[in-house]
């Protein structure tokens, strides 16, 4: 999805993982928003139940942030000093 796209709460989109090169990597990847508005990344693996029925196992995680791209937490002491000066 485009980086600036935000899903409505409780909705997500997954796509076939075109970079899958090992069994450990997910068959599907995507993103979504939880019911309370938190953005998540989603990974999905195709599999079968014990009865042999097809299934997709999903994992949700916090969005990946490249090292060096981390946003400031806003809890910087100099920011706090500015509040009181």
Protein backbone atom coordinates (compact mmCIF):
# COMPACT_ATOMS: atom_id res chain seq x y z
CA UNK A 1 0.00 0.00 0.00
CA UNK A 2 1.11 3.57 -0.37
CA UNK A 3 3.03 4.81 2.65
CA UNK A 4 0.53 7.59 3.29
CA UNK A 5 -2.54 5.32 3.08
CA UNK A 6 -4.29 4.59 6.38
CA UNK A 7 -6.89 1.83 6.70
CA UNK A 8 -10.14 2.48 8.50
CA UNK A 9 -10.22 1.01 12.01
CA UNK A 10 -10.65 -2.76 11.92
CA UNK A 11 -9.63 -3.13 8.27
CA UNK A 12 -6.52 -4.53 6.57
CA UNK A 13 -5.14 -5.60 3.20
CA UNK A 14 -2.71 -8.42 2.43
CA UNK A 15 -0.92 -9.27 -0.80
CA UNK A 16 1.04 -12.24 -2.09
CA UNK A 17 4.67 -11.90 -0.90
CA UNK A 18 6.69 -11.60 -4.12
CA UNK A 19 9.94 -11.72 -2.09
CA UNK A 20 9.31 -15.14 -0.51
CA UNK A 21 12.49 -17.17 -0.95
CA UNK A 22 12.26 -19.56 2.02
CA UNK A 23 9.56 -21.45 3.94
CA UNK A 24 10.04 -19.21 6.97
CA UNK A 25 8.99 -16.08 5.09
CA UNK A 26 5.25 -15.38 4.87
CA UNK A 27 3.17 -16.22 1.80
CA UNK A 28 1.28 -12.94 2.24
CA UNK A 29 2.19 -9.51 3.66
CA UNK A 30 0.22 -6.38 4.28
CA UNK A 31 -0.96 -3.81 6.77
CA UNK A 32 -4.02 -2.76 8.65
CA UNK A 33 -5.44 -0.81 11.56
CA UNK A 34 -6.72 -2.35 14.79
CA UNK A 35 -10.17 -1.52 16.14
CA UNK A 36 -8.58 1.10 18.39
CA UNK A 37 -6.70 2.79 15.52
CA UNK A 38 -3.21 1.32 15.94
CA UNK A 39 -1.37 0.58 12.68
CA UNK A 40 -0.01 -2.97 12.30
CA UNK A 41 1.88 -5.06 9.76
CA UNK A 42 0.36 -8.43 8.88
CA UNK A 43 2.06 -11.60 7.68
CA UNK A 44 0.25 -14.76 6.57
CA UNK A 45 1.33 -18.35 5.97
CA UNK A 46 -0.65 -20.95 4.01
CA UNK A 47 -1.09 -24.26 5.77
CA UNK A 48 -3.49 -27.06 6.64
CA UNK A 49 -5.40 -27.92 9.78
CA UNK A 50 -4.93 -31.31 11.46
CA UNK A 51 -8.03 -32.41 9.53
CA UNK A 52 -6.36 -31.37 6.26
CA UNK A 53 -8.48 -28.30 5.60
CA UNK A 54 -6.69 -25.22 4.14
CA UNK A 55 -5.93 -22.34 6.50
CA UNK A 56 -3.97 -19.07 6.66
CA UNK A 57 -2.08 -18.37 9.89
CA UNK A 58 -1.71 -14.65 10.56
CA UNK A 59 0.76 -12.63 12.64
CA UNK A 60 0.37 -8.95 13.47
CA UNK A 61 3.33 -6.83 14.51
CA UNK A 62 4.32 -3.21 15.01
CA UNK A 63 5.30 -1.47 11.75
CA UNK A 64 8.99 -1.76 10.88
CA UNK A 65 11.01 1.42 11.31
CA UNK A 66 14.40 1.59 9.60
CA UNK A 67 17.27 2.40 11.96
CA UNK A 68 17.91 6.12 11.77
CA UNK A 69 14.31 6.82 10.69
CA UNK A 70 12.92 6.59 14.22
CA UNK A 71 10.70 9.49 15.14
CA UNK A 72 11.66 11.44 18.27
CA UNK A 73 9.69 10.21 21.27
CA UNK A 74 8.81 13.72 22.40
CA UNK A 75 10.12 12.87 25.88
CA UNK A 76 13.44 14.62 25.31
CA UNK A 77 14.54 16.55 28.39
CA UNK A 78 15.35 19.64 26.30
CA UNK A 79 11.73 19.63 25.10
CA UNK A 80 10.61 19.54 28.74
CA UNK A 81 13.00 22.39 29.59
CA UNK A 82 11.38 24.50 26.85
CA UNK A 83 7.98 24.05 28.49
CA UNK A 84 9.17 25.69 31.68
CA UNK A 85 11.22 28.55 30.22
